[in-house]
């Protein structure tokens, strides 16, 4: 079996990943362009003692990927200390199976950070924890207060919702993402910083 360093070399650059996208590329690029990074965060990454290798497992249909991968790409661009290599989850099962969330779930996006010797520093999955909690609360409130969702179980998959409820939910989710965008981006950066700070101490 190939080493993780050998597998890493087969990944795409950010530019190659963008070029092969068939869904939501315009939104991905707009999110990347409009990320607002704090100067102290960029400085933290720019002052890392060496560049980190980062595996990015993703798919262009994934909403969490469209929202959160651009934050990492901008961090890499502005700090020049994150060497990103992209892999499509559904075409990379052997790699994905090495980095399942909680050892069981092929969650994307997944960011796996390595030091110079390809020793793993840490992993980040899907979305910030606070955003997950806020999203659950938003979902519950919408289903409990909006008449369009009366009698519909909370765990109903979006494609199975009645047309009116589905359209209202999709618009509400879009509005929710817009309202929370800056907070979410900041949380992505904060969580990644914590992972790297802890990992660098462990690997020292």
N, C-alpha and C. Protein backbone atom coordinates (compact mmCIF):
# COMPACT_ATOMS: atom_id res chain seq x y z
N UNK A 1 0.84 -1.20 0.00
CA UNK A 1 0.00 0.00 0.00
C UNK A 1 0.88 1.26 0.00
N UNK A 2 0.48 2.24 -0.78
CA UNK A 2 1.25 3.48 -0.88
C UNK A 2 1.25 4.21 0.46
N UNK A 3 2.36 4.87 0.75
CA UNK A 3 2.42 5.69 1.96
C UNK A 3 1.53 6.91 1.80
N UNK A 4 1.24 7.57 2.92
CA UNK A 4 0.39 8.76 2.83
C UNK A 4 1.10 9.85 2.03
N UNK A 5 2.42 9.91 2.10
CA UNK A 5 3.16 10.89 1.31
C UNK A 5 3.00 10.61 -0.18
N UNK A 6 3.04 9.35 -0.56
CA UNK A 6 2.86 8.99 -1.96
C UNK A 6 1.43 9.26 -2.41
N UNK A 7 0.47 8.96 -1.57
CA UNK A 7 -0.93 9.25 -1.90
C UNK A 7 -1.15 10.75 -2.05
N UNK A 8 -0.53 11.51 -1.17
CA UNK A 8 -0.68 12.96 -1.18
C UNK A 8 -0.27 13.56 -2.52
N UNK A 9 0.77 13.04 -3.11
CA UNK A 9 1.28 13.61 -4.36
C UNK A 9 0.29 13.44 -5.51
N UNK A 10 -0.68 12.56 -5.37
CA UNK A 10 -1.67 12.35 -6.43
C UNK A 10 -2.84 13.33 -6.36
N UNK A 11 -2.84 14.18 -5.36
CA UNK A 11 -3.94 15.11 -5.21
C UNK A 11 -3.86 16.28 -6.18
N UNK A 12 -4.99 16.96 -6.32
CA UNK A 12 -5.09 18.14 -7.19
C UNK A 12 -4.70 19.41 -6.43
N UNK A 13 -4.15 20.36 -7.14
CA UNK A 13 -3.99 21.69 -6.58
C UNK A 13 -5.37 22.34 -6.49
N UNK A 14 -5.45 23.46 -5.78
CA UNK A 14 -6.73 24.17 -5.68
C UNK A 14 -7.21 24.60 -7.05
N UNK A 15 -6.29 25.04 -7.90
CA UNK A 15 -6.68 25.49 -9.24
C UNK A 15 -7.22 24.34 -10.07
N UNK A 16 -6.56 23.20 -10.02
CA UNK A 16 -7.06 22.04 -10.77
C UNK A 16 -8.40 21.57 -10.24
N UNK A 17 -8.57 21.67 -8.92
CA UNK A 17 -9.87 21.29 -8.35
C UNK A 17 -10.98 22.21 -8.88
N UNK A 18 -10.72 23.51 -8.89
CA UNK A 18 -11.73 24.45 -9.41
C UNK A 18 -12.08 24.13 -10.85
N UNK A 19 -11.07 23.87 -11.66
CA UNK A 19 -11.29 23.66 -13.09
C UNK A 19 -12.11 22.41 -13.38
N UNK A 20 -12.03 21.41 -12.51
CA UNK A 20 -12.78 20.18 -12.78
C UNK A 20 -14.18 20.20 -12.15
N UNK A 21 -14.51 21.25 -11.42
CA UNK A 21 -15.82 21.32 -10.77
C UNK A 21 -16.93 21.37 -11.82
N UNK A 22 -17.97 20.60 -11.60
CA UNK A 22 -19.13 20.58 -12.51
C UNK A 22 -20.37 21.15 -11.85
N UNK A 23 -20.32 21.40 -10.53
CA UNK A 23 -21.47 21.95 -9.81
C UNK A 23 -20.99 23.06 -8.88
N UNK A 24 -21.71 24.15 -8.85
CA UNK A 24 -21.53 25.21 -7.84
C UNK A 24 -20.15 25.87 -7.87
N UNK A 25 -19.48 25.81 -9.00
CA UNK A 25 -18.15 26.41 -9.07
C UNK A 25 -18.22 27.93 -8.85
N UNK A 26 -19.21 28.58 -9.44
CA UNK A 26 -19.33 30.03 -9.29
C UNK A 26 -19.49 30.42 -7.83
N UNK A 27 -20.31 29.68 -7.09
CA UNK A 27 -20.49 29.97 -5.67
C UNK A 27 -19.22 29.70 -4.88
N UNK A 28 -18.52 28.63 -5.22
CA UNK A 28 -17.25 28.32 -4.56
C UNK A 28 -16.27 29.48 -4.73
N UNK A 29 -16.13 29.94 -5.96
CA UNK A 29 -15.17 31.01 -6.25
C UNK A 29 -15.60 32.33 -5.61
N UNK A 30 -16.91 32.60 -5.58
CA UNK A 30 -17.39 33.82 -4.93
C UNK A 30 -17.14 33.76 -3.43
N UNK A 31 -17.38 32.60 -2.82
CA UNK A 31 -17.11 32.46 -1.39
C UNK A 31 -15.62 32.63 -1.10
N UNK A 32 -14.79 32.07 -1.96
CA UNK A 32 -13.35 32.22 -1.77
C UNK A 32 -12.94 33.69 -1.88
N UNK A 33 -13.49 34.39 -2.84
CA UNK A 33 -13.14 35.80 -3.06
C UNK A 33 -13.57 36.68 -1.90
N UNK A 34 -14.69 36.35 -1.27
CA UNK A 34 -15.29 37.25 -0.27
C UNK A 34 -15.01 36.84 1.17
N UNK A 35 -14.20 35.81 1.40
CA UNK A 35 -13.84 35.46 2.77
C UNK A 35 -13.12 36.64 3.42
N UNK A 36 -13.53 36.97 4.63
CA UNK A 36 -12.88 38.05 5.38
C UNK A 36 -12.03 37.44 6.48
N UNK A 37 -10.72 37.51 6.31
CA UNK A 37 -9.81 36.92 7.28
C UNK A 37 -9.21 37.99 8.18
N UNK A 38 -9.16 37.73 9.48
CA UNK A 38 -8.53 38.66 10.41
C UNK A 38 -7.03 38.64 10.21
N UNK A 39 -6.40 39.79 10.31
CA UNK A 39 -4.96 39.88 10.06
C UNK A 39 -4.17 39.02 11.03
N UNK A 40 -4.65 38.91 12.28
CA UNK A 40 -3.93 38.09 13.26
C UNK A 40 -4.01 36.60 12.92
N UNK A 41 -5.09 36.19 12.25
CA UNK A 41 -5.19 34.79 11.83
C UNK A 41 -4.23 34.51 10.68
N UNK A 42 -4.20 35.40 9.71
CA UNK A 42 -3.26 35.23 8.60
C UNK A 42 -1.83 35.21 9.13
N UNK A 43 -1.55 36.09 10.09
CA UNK A 43 -0.20 36.15 10.67
C UNK A 43 0.16 34.85 11.38
N UNK A 44 -0.80 34.28 12.09
CA UNK A 44 -0.54 33.01 12.78
C UNK A 44 -0.08 31.95 11.80
N UNK A 45 -0.81 31.80 10.70
CA UNK A 45 -0.44 30.77 9.72
C UNK A 45 0.85 31.13 8.99
N UNK A 46 1.04 32.41 8.68
CA UNK A 46 2.25 32.84 7.97
C UNK A 46 3.50 32.59 8.81
N UNK A 47 3.36 32.60 10.14
CA UNK A 47 4.51 32.45 11.02
C UNK A 47 4.72 31.01 11.50
N UNK A 48 3.98 30.07 10.92
CA UNK A 48 4.23 28.67 11.26
C UNK A 48 5.68 28.32 10.94
N UNK A 49 6.30 27.44 11.72
CA UNK A 49 7.73 27.16 11.52
C UNK A 49 8.05 26.49 10.19
N UNK A 50 7.05 25.88 9.56
CA UNK A 50 7.23 25.25 8.26
C UNK A 50 5.86 25.09 7.61
N UNK A 51 5.86 24.82 6.33
CA UNK A 51 4.59 24.61 5.62
C UNK A 51 3.97 23.27 6.04
N UNK A 52 2.65 23.28 6.15
CA UNK A 52 1.92 22.07 6.48
C UNK A 52 1.32 21.46 5.21
N UNK A 53 1.35 20.16 5.12
CA UNK A 53 0.67 19.46 4.04
C UNK A 53 -0.77 19.21 4.48
N UNK A 54 -1.70 19.43 3.57
CA UNK A 54 -3.12 19.30 3.94
C UNK A 54 -3.86 18.51 2.87
N UNK A 55 -4.43 17.38 3.26
CA UNK A 55 -5.34 16.64 2.39
C UNK A 55 -6.73 17.25 2.53
N UNK A 56 -7.36 17.56 1.41
CA UNK A 56 -8.72 18.09 1.40
C UNK A 56 -9.60 17.07 0.68
N UNK A 57 -10.44 16.39 1.43
CA UNK A 57 -11.41 15.46 0.86
C UNK A 57 -12.73 16.17 0.70
N UNK A 58 -13.28 16.17 -0.52
CA UNK A 58 -14.44 17.01 -0.77
C UNK A 58 -15.22 16.49 -1.98
N UNK A 59 -16.34 17.14 -2.27
CA UNK A 59 -17.13 16.94 -3.49
C UNK A 59 -17.82 18.27 -3.78
N UNK A 60 -17.98 18.60 -5.07
CA UNK A 60 -18.50 19.93 -5.38
C UNK A 60 -20.01 20.06 -5.21
N UNK A 61 -20.72 18.95 -4.94
CA UNK A 61 -22.15 19.04 -4.68
C UNK A 61 -22.46 19.30 -3.20
N UNK A 62 -21.44 19.20 -2.36
CA UNK A 62 -21.63 19.28 -0.91
C UNK A 62 -21.72 20.73 -0.45
N UNK A 63 -22.85 21.10 0.18
CA UNK A 63 -23.04 22.48 0.62
C UNK A 63 -22.01 22.89 1.67
N UNK A 64 -21.68 21.99 2.59
CA UNK A 64 -20.68 22.33 3.60
C UNK A 64 -19.32 22.57 2.96
N UNK A 65 -19.02 21.84 1.90
CA UNK A 65 -17.76 22.04 1.20
C UNK A 65 -17.74 23.39 0.49
N UNK A 66 -18.84 23.74 -0.17
CA UNK A 66 -18.91 25.02 -0.87
C UNK A 66 -18.78 26.18 0.12
N UNK A 67 -19.28 25.99 1.33
CA UNK A 67 -19.21 27.05 2.35
C UNK A 67 -17.84 27.14 3.00
N UNK A 68 -17.20 26.00 3.27
CA UNK A 68 -16.05 25.99 4.16
C UNK A 68 -14.69 25.75 3.50
N UNK A 69 -14.65 25.02 2.41
CA UNK A 69 -13.36 24.81 1.73
C UNK A 69 -12.75 26.15 1.26
N UNK A 70 -13.56 27.09 0.75
CA UNK A 70 -12.95 28.37 0.33
C UNK A 70 -12.22 29.10 1.44
N UNK A 71 -12.65 28.92 2.69
CA UNK A 71 -11.95 29.56 3.81
C UNK A 71 -10.52 29.01 3.90
N UNK A 72 -10.39 27.70 3.79
CA UNK A 72 -9.06 27.08 3.84
C UNK A 72 -8.21 27.51 2.65
N UNK A 73 -8.82 27.60 1.47
CA UNK A 73 -8.06 28.00 0.28
C UNK A 73 -7.52 29.41 0.44
N UNK A 74 -8.33 30.32 0.97
CA UNK A 74 -7.85 31.70 1.18
C UNK A 74 -6.74 31.74 2.22
N UNK A 75 -6.88 30.95 3.28
CA UNK A 75 -5.82 30.88 4.29
C UNK A 75 -4.51 30.42 3.65
N UNK A 76 -4.61 29.43 2.78
CA UNK A 76 -3.43 28.92 2.11
C UNK A 76 -2.81 29.98 1.21
N UNK A 77 -3.65 30.69 0.48
CA UNK A 77 -3.17 31.72 -0.45
C UNK A 77 -2.48 32.85 0.29
N UNK A 78 -3.11 33.33 1.35
CA UNK A 78 -2.59 34.53 2.04
C UNK A 78 -1.42 34.22 2.96
N UNK A 79 -1.38 33.02 3.52
CA UNK A 79 -0.29 32.70 4.45
C UNK A 79 0.89 32.04 3.76
N UNK A 80 0.64 31.36 2.63
CA UNK A 80 1.64 30.59 1.87
C UNK A 80 2.24 29.45 2.69
N UNK A 81 1.56 29.03 3.75
CA UNK A 81 2.10 27.98 4.61
C UNK A 81 1.24 26.71 4.64
N UNK A 82 0.25 26.62 3.75
CA UNK A 82 -0.59 25.43 3.70
C UNK A 82 -0.54 24.86 2.29
N UNK A 83 0.01 23.67 2.17
CA UNK A 83 0.16 22.99 0.89
C UNK A 83 -1.05 22.06 0.70
N UNK A 84 -2.05 22.55 -0.03
CA UNK A 84 -3.31 21.83 -0.16
C UNK A 84 -3.29 20.88 -1.35
N UNK A 85 -3.73 19.65 -1.12
CA UNK A 85 -3.94 18.70 -2.20
C UNK A 85 -5.36 18.15 -2.08
N UNK A 86 -6.12 18.29 -3.17
CA UNK A 86 -7.55 17.96 -3.17
C UNK A 86 -7.80 16.56 -3.71
N UNK A 87 -8.77 15.88 -3.08
CA UNK A 87 -9.20 14.56 -3.51
C UNK A 87 -10.73 14.50 -3.48
N UNK A 88 -11.33 13.92 -4.51
CA UNK A 88 -12.77 13.72 -4.52
C UNK A 88 -13.08 12.47 -3.69
N UNK A 89 -13.92 12.63 -2.70
CA UNK A 89 -14.20 11.52 -1.80
C UNK A 89 -14.68 10.27 -2.55
N UNK A 90 -15.63 10.46 -3.48
CA UNK A 90 -16.26 9.31 -4.11
C UNK A 90 -15.33 8.59 -5.08
N UNK A 91 -14.23 9.25 -5.45
CA UNK A 91 -13.24 8.60 -6.30
C UNK A 91 -12.00 8.16 -5.52
N UNK A 92 -12.02 8.38 -4.21
CA UNK A 92 -10.85 8.07 -3.38
C UNK A 92 -11.25 7.29 -2.14
N UNK A 93 -11.95 6.15 -2.31
CA UNK A 93 -12.44 5.42 -1.13
C UNK A 93 -11.33 4.93 -0.22
N UNK A 94 -10.20 4.50 -0.78
CA UNK A 94 -9.12 4.01 0.07
C UNK A 94 -8.59 5.11 0.97
N UNK A 95 -8.45 6.31 0.42
CA UNK A 95 -7.99 7.44 1.21
C UNK A 95 -9.04 7.86 2.23
N UNK A 96 -10.29 7.97 1.79
CA UNK A 96 -11.36 8.38 2.68
C UNK A 96 -11.49 7.43 3.85
N UNK A 97 -11.34 6.14 3.59
CA UNK A 97 -11.49 5.15 4.66
C UNK A 97 -10.42 5.27 5.74
N UNK A 98 -9.33 5.96 5.43
CA UNK A 98 -8.29 6.19 6.44
C UNK A 98 -8.65 7.35 7.36
N UNK A 99 -9.60 8.16 6.93
CA UNK A 99 -9.90 9.39 7.67
C UNK A 99 -11.40 9.57 7.91
N UNK A 100 -12.06 8.48 8.28
CA UNK A 100 -13.48 8.54 8.59
C UNK A 100 -13.70 9.31 9.88
N UNK A 101 -14.74 10.11 9.92
CA UNK A 101 -15.06 10.82 11.15
C UNK A 101 -15.54 9.83 12.20
N UNK A 102 -14.97 9.91 13.39
CA UNK A 102 -15.28 8.98 14.47
C UNK A 102 -15.03 7.53 14.06
N UNK A 103 -14.16 7.35 13.06
CA UNK A 103 -13.81 6.02 12.61
C UNK A 103 -14.88 5.31 11.83
N UNK A 104 -15.98 6.04 11.48
CA UNK A 104 -17.10 5.35 10.86
C UNK A 104 -17.76 6.12 9.71
N UNK A 105 -17.64 7.45 9.69
CA UNK A 105 -18.44 8.25 8.77
C UNK A 105 -17.57 8.93 7.71
N UNK A 106 -17.89 8.74 6.41
CA UNK A 106 -17.12 9.38 5.33
C UNK A 106 -17.54 10.85 5.14
N UNK A 107 -17.32 11.64 6.17
CA UNK A 107 -17.80 13.01 6.23
C UNK A 107 -16.93 13.95 5.40
N UNK A 108 -17.58 14.86 4.65
CA UNK A 108 -16.85 15.89 3.91
C UNK A 108 -17.47 17.26 4.17
N UNK A 109 -16.67 18.31 4.00
CA UNK A 109 -15.24 18.23 3.71
C UNK A 109 -14.46 17.72 4.91
N UNK A 110 -13.32 17.14 4.63
CA UNK A 110 -12.39 16.70 5.66
C UNK A 110 -11.03 17.29 5.34
N UNK A 111 -10.43 17.95 6.33
CA UNK A 111 -9.10 18.52 6.19
C UNK A 111 -8.17 17.74 7.12
N UNK A 112 -7.12 17.15 6.58
CA UNK A 112 -6.17 16.40 7.40
C UNK A 112 -4.81 17.09 7.28
N UNK A 113 -4.28 17.51 8.42
CA UNK A 113 -3.06 18.31 8.46
C UNK A 113 -1.86 17.45 8.86
N UNK A 114 -0.74 17.67 8.14
CA UNK A 114 0.49 16.91 8.38
C UNK A 114 1.67 17.86 8.52
N UNK A 115 2.66 17.43 9.30
CA UNK A 115 3.88 18.22 9.39
C UNK A 115 4.82 17.87 8.23
N UNK A 116 6.05 18.35 8.29
CA UNK A 116 7.00 18.14 7.20
C UNK A 116 7.27 16.66 6.93
N UNK A 117 7.24 15.86 7.98
CA UNK A 117 7.54 14.43 7.85
C UNK A 117 6.28 13.60 7.61
N UNK A 118 5.19 14.28 7.31
CA UNK A 118 3.89 13.63 7.10
C UNK A 118 3.40 12.87 8.33
N UNK A 119 3.75 13.41 9.49
CA UNK A 119 3.11 12.95 10.72
C UNK A 119 1.82 13.75 10.87
N UNK A 120 0.75 13.05 11.18
CA UNK A 120 -0.54 13.74 11.26
C UNK A 120 -0.59 14.69 12.45
N UNK A 121 -1.06 15.90 12.19
CA UNK A 121 -1.23 16.92 13.22
C UNK A 121 -2.65 16.93 13.75
N UNK A 122 -3.62 16.79 12.85
CA UNK A 122 -5.00 16.82 13.28
C UNK A 122 -5.95 16.81 12.10
N UNK A 123 -7.26 16.75 12.41
CA UNK A 123 -8.30 16.66 11.39
C UNK A 123 -9.43 17.65 11.70
N UNK A 124 -10.04 18.13 10.63
CA UNK A 124 -11.22 19.01 10.76
C UNK A 124 -12.29 18.49 9.80
N UNK A 125 -13.55 18.44 10.29
CA UNK A 125 -14.62 17.87 9.49
C UNK A 125 -15.82 18.80 9.33
N UNK A 126 -16.35 18.86 8.16
CA UNK A 126 -17.69 19.32 7.77
C UNK A 126 -17.98 20.79 8.05
N UNK A 127 -18.14 21.15 9.32
CA UNK A 127 -18.52 22.53 9.67
C UNK A 127 -18.12 22.79 11.12
N UNK A 128 -18.06 24.07 11.52
CA UNK A 128 -17.75 24.36 12.92
C UNK A 128 -18.82 23.81 13.86
N UNK A 129 -18.40 23.39 15.05
CA UNK A 129 -19.33 22.82 16.02
C UNK A 129 -20.44 23.80 16.38
N UNK A 130 -20.11 25.06 16.56
CA UNK A 130 -21.14 26.04 16.91
C UNK A 130 -22.14 26.23 15.78
N UNK A 131 -21.68 26.14 14.55
CA UNK A 131 -22.59 26.26 13.42
C UNK A 131 -23.52 25.04 13.34
N UNK A 132 -23.02 23.87 13.69
CA UNK A 132 -23.87 22.68 13.70
C UNK A 132 -24.99 22.86 14.73
N UNK A 133 -24.63 23.36 15.91
CA UNK A 133 -25.64 23.56 16.95
C UNK A 133 -26.65 24.62 16.54
N UNK A 134 -26.17 25.71 15.95
CA UNK A 134 -27.07 26.77 15.49
C UNK A 134 -27.99 26.27 14.39
N UNK A 135 -27.46 25.44 13.49
CA UNK A 135 -28.27 24.91 12.41
C UNK A 135 -29.38 24.00 12.90
N UNK A 136 -29.05 23.17 13.90
CA UNK A 136 -30.07 22.27 14.48
C UNK A 136 -31.18 23.08 15.12
N UNK A 137 -30.80 24.11 15.86
CA UNK A 137 -31.80 24.96 16.51
C UNK A 137 -32.66 25.70 15.48
N UNK A 138 -32.04 26.21 14.43
CA UNK A 138 -32.77 26.88 13.36
C UNK A 138 -33.78 25.93 12.72
N UNK A 139 -33.35 24.72 12.43
CA UNK A 139 -34.20 23.71 11.79
C UNK A 139 -35.40 23.39 12.67
N UNK A 140 -35.15 23.17 13.96
CA UNK A 140 -36.23 22.83 14.89
C UNK A 140 -37.24 23.97 15.01
N UNK A 141 -36.74 25.19 15.10
CA UNK A 141 -37.65 26.33 15.24
C UNK A 141 -38.51 26.50 14.00
N UNK A 142 -37.91 26.34 12.83
CA UNK A 142 -38.66 26.49 11.58
C UNK A 142 -39.79 25.45 11.50
N UNK A 143 -39.46 24.21 11.81
CA UNK A 143 -40.46 23.15 11.72
C UNK A 143 -41.56 23.30 12.77
N UNK A 144 -41.25 23.91 13.90
CA UNK A 144 -42.23 24.02 14.98
C UNK A 144 -43.09 25.28 14.89
N UNK A 145 -42.67 26.27 14.10
CA UNK A 145 -43.40 27.54 14.07
C UNK A 145 -44.02 27.89 12.73
N UNK A 146 -43.49 27.34 11.64
CA UNK A 146 -44.01 27.69 10.32
C UNK A 146 -45.12 26.72 9.91
N UNK A 147 -46.31 27.23 9.56
CA UNK A 147 -47.43 26.35 9.18
C UNK A 147 -47.12 25.43 8.00
N UNK A 148 -46.18 25.81 7.16
CA UNK A 148 -45.84 24.99 5.99
C UNK A 148 -45.28 23.63 6.39
N UNK A 149 -44.79 23.52 7.65
CA UNK A 149 -44.17 22.27 8.10
C UNK A 149 -45.05 21.52 9.12
N UNK A 150 -46.28 21.98 9.28
CA UNK A 150 -47.19 21.35 10.24
C UNK A 150 -47.38 19.87 9.91
N UNK A 151 -47.15 19.03 10.91
CA UNK A 151 -47.35 17.59 10.74
C UNK A 151 -46.23 16.87 10.03
N UNK A 152 -45.20 17.58 9.61
CA UNK A 152 -44.08 16.94 8.90
C UNK A 152 -42.99 16.58 9.91
N UNK A 153 -42.56 15.32 9.95
CA UNK A 153 -41.49 14.94 10.89
C UNK A 153 -40.21 15.74 10.66
N UNK A 154 -39.53 16.07 11.74
CA UNK A 154 -38.34 16.91 11.68
C UNK A 154 -37.23 16.30 10.84
N UNK A 155 -37.15 14.98 10.82
CA UNK A 155 -36.05 14.31 10.11
C UNK A 155 -36.40 13.94 8.67
N UNK A 156 -37.46 14.53 8.12
CA UNK A 156 -37.83 14.24 6.73
C UNK A 156 -36.75 14.74 5.77
N UNK A 157 -36.22 13.89 4.91
CA UNK A 157 -35.21 14.35 3.93
C UNK A 157 -35.80 15.44 3.04
N UNK A 158 -34.97 16.42 2.69
CA UNK A 158 -35.45 17.56 1.90
C UNK A 158 -36.14 17.12 0.61
N UNK A 159 -35.60 16.16 -0.17
CA UNK A 159 -36.28 15.76 -1.41
C UNK A 159 -37.68 15.18 -1.19
N UNK A 160 -37.95 14.71 0.02
CA UNK A 160 -39.24 14.10 0.30
C UNK A 160 -40.27 15.08 0.86
N UNK A 161 -39.89 16.33 1.06
CA UNK A 161 -40.83 17.34 1.56
C UNK A 161 -41.83 17.72 0.47
N UNK A 162 -43.04 18.11 0.86
CA UNK A 162 -43.98 18.68 -0.12
C UNK A 162 -43.35 19.91 -0.78
N UNK A 163 -43.78 20.21 -2.00
CA UNK A 163 -43.14 21.28 -2.77
C UNK A 163 -43.07 22.59 -2.00
N UNK A 164 -44.17 23.00 -1.40
CA UNK A 164 -44.20 24.29 -0.69
C UNK A 164 -43.21 24.31 0.46
N UNK A 165 -43.22 23.23 1.24
CA UNK A 165 -42.31 23.16 2.38
C UNK A 165 -40.86 23.09 1.92
N UNK A 166 -40.59 22.33 0.86
CA UNK A 166 -39.22 22.20 0.36
C UNK A 166 -38.67 23.54 -0.11
N UNK A 167 -39.47 24.27 -0.88
CA UNK A 167 -39.02 25.57 -1.38
C UNK A 167 -38.81 26.56 -0.24
N UNK A 168 -39.71 26.53 0.74
CA UNK A 168 -39.56 27.45 1.88
C UNK A 168 -38.32 27.10 2.69
N UNK A 169 -38.06 25.80 2.87
CA UNK A 169 -36.88 25.39 3.62
C UNK A 169 -35.60 25.78 2.89
N UNK A 170 -35.53 25.56 1.60
CA UNK A 170 -34.32 25.89 0.84
C UNK A 170 -34.04 27.39 0.91
N UNK A 171 -35.08 28.22 0.81
CA UNK A 171 -34.89 29.66 0.91
C UNK A 171 -34.46 30.06 2.32
N UNK A 172 -35.07 29.42 3.33
CA UNK A 172 -34.71 29.72 4.71
C UNK A 172 -33.27 29.33 5.00
N UNK A 173 -32.83 28.19 4.46
CA UNK A 173 -31.44 27.77 4.64
C UNK A 173 -30.48 28.75 3.97
N UNK A 174 -30.85 29.22 2.79
CA UNK A 174 -30.02 30.21 2.09
C UNK A 174 -29.89 31.48 2.92
N UNK A 175 -31.01 31.96 3.47
CA UNK A 175 -31.00 33.16 4.30
C UNK A 175 -30.17 32.94 5.57
N UNK A 176 -30.29 31.74 6.15
CA UNK A 176 -29.53 31.41 7.36
C UNK A 176 -28.03 31.45 7.08
N UNK A 177 -27.61 30.89 5.96
CA UNK A 177 -26.19 30.88 5.61
C UNK A 177 -25.66 32.31 5.40
N UNK A 178 -26.48 33.15 4.77
CA UNK A 178 -26.06 34.53 4.56
C UNK A 178 -25.91 35.28 5.88
N UNK A 179 -26.84 35.06 6.79
CA UNK A 179 -26.80 35.74 8.09
C UNK A 179 -25.61 35.31 8.93
N UNK A 180 -25.23 34.07 8.80
CA UNK A 180 -24.20 33.51 9.68
C UNK A 180 -22.85 33.35 9.00
N UNK A 181 -22.73 33.83 7.78
CA UNK A 181 -21.52 33.60 6.99
C UNK A 181 -20.25 34.06 7.69
N UNK A 182 -20.21 35.29 8.13
CA UNK A 182 -18.99 35.82 8.74
C UNK A 182 -18.64 35.06 10.01
N UNK A 183 -19.64 34.79 10.84
CA UNK A 183 -19.41 34.04 12.07
C UNK A 183 -18.87 32.65 11.75
N UNK A 184 -19.48 31.98 10.77
CA UNK A 184 -19.06 30.64 10.40
C UNK A 184 -17.62 30.62 9.90
N UNK A 185 -17.28 31.55 9.02
CA UNK A 185 -15.90 31.62 8.49
C UNK A 185 -14.90 31.79 9.63
N UNK A 186 -15.23 32.68 10.58
CA UNK A 186 -14.34 32.91 11.71
C UNK A 186 -14.18 31.65 12.56
N UNK A 187 -15.27 30.90 12.70
CA UNK A 187 -15.22 29.67 13.49
C UNK A 187 -14.38 28.60 12.80
N UNK A 188 -14.47 28.52 11.48
CA UNK A 188 -13.61 27.58 10.74
C UNK A 188 -12.15 27.87 11.04
N UNK A 189 -11.78 29.12 10.94
CA UNK A 189 -10.38 29.51 11.17
C UNK A 189 -9.99 29.24 12.62
N UNK A 190 -10.86 29.60 13.54
CA UNK A 190 -10.54 29.40 14.97
C UNK A 190 -10.32 27.92 15.28
N UNK A 191 -11.20 27.06 14.77
CA UNK A 191 -11.06 25.63 15.05
C UNK A 191 -9.79 25.06 14.41
N UNK A 192 -9.48 25.49 13.20
CA UNK A 192 -8.27 25.00 12.53
C UNK A 192 -7.03 25.46 13.30
N UNK A 193 -7.03 26.71 13.75
CA UNK A 193 -5.91 27.20 14.55
C UNK A 193 -5.70 26.34 15.78
N UNK A 194 -6.78 26.00 16.47
CA UNK A 194 -6.67 25.19 17.68
C UNK A 194 -6.11 23.81 17.37
N UNK A 195 -6.57 23.21 16.27
CA UNK A 195 -6.06 21.90 15.86
C UNK A 195 -4.57 21.95 15.60
N UNK A 196 -4.13 22.96 14.87
CA UNK A 196 -2.71 23.07 14.52
C UNK A 196 -1.85 23.39 15.74
N UNK A 197 -2.32 24.30 16.58
CA UNK A 197 -1.56 24.63 17.79
C UNK A 197 -1.37 23.40 18.66
N UNK A 198 -2.44 22.64 18.84
CA UNK A 198 -2.35 21.43 19.67
C UNK A 198 -1.47 20.38 19.00
N UNK A 199 -1.61 20.21 17.69
CA UNK A 199 -0.84 19.19 16.98
C UNK A 199 0.64 19.49 16.94
N UNK A 200 0.98 20.76 16.77
CA UNK A 200 2.40 21.12 16.73
C UNK A 200 3.07 20.86 18.07
N UNK A 201 2.34 21.10 19.16
CA UNK A 201 2.89 20.82 20.50
C UNK A 201 3.09 19.32 20.67
N UNK A 202 2.11 18.53 20.24
CA UNK A 202 2.18 17.08 20.36
C UNK A 202 3.34 16.49 19.56
N UNK A 203 3.56 17.06 18.35
CA UNK A 203 4.60 16.53 17.45
C UNK A 203 5.97 17.14 17.70
N UNK A 204 6.07 18.07 18.63
CA UNK A 204 7.34 18.74 18.88
C UNK A 204 8.39 17.76 19.41
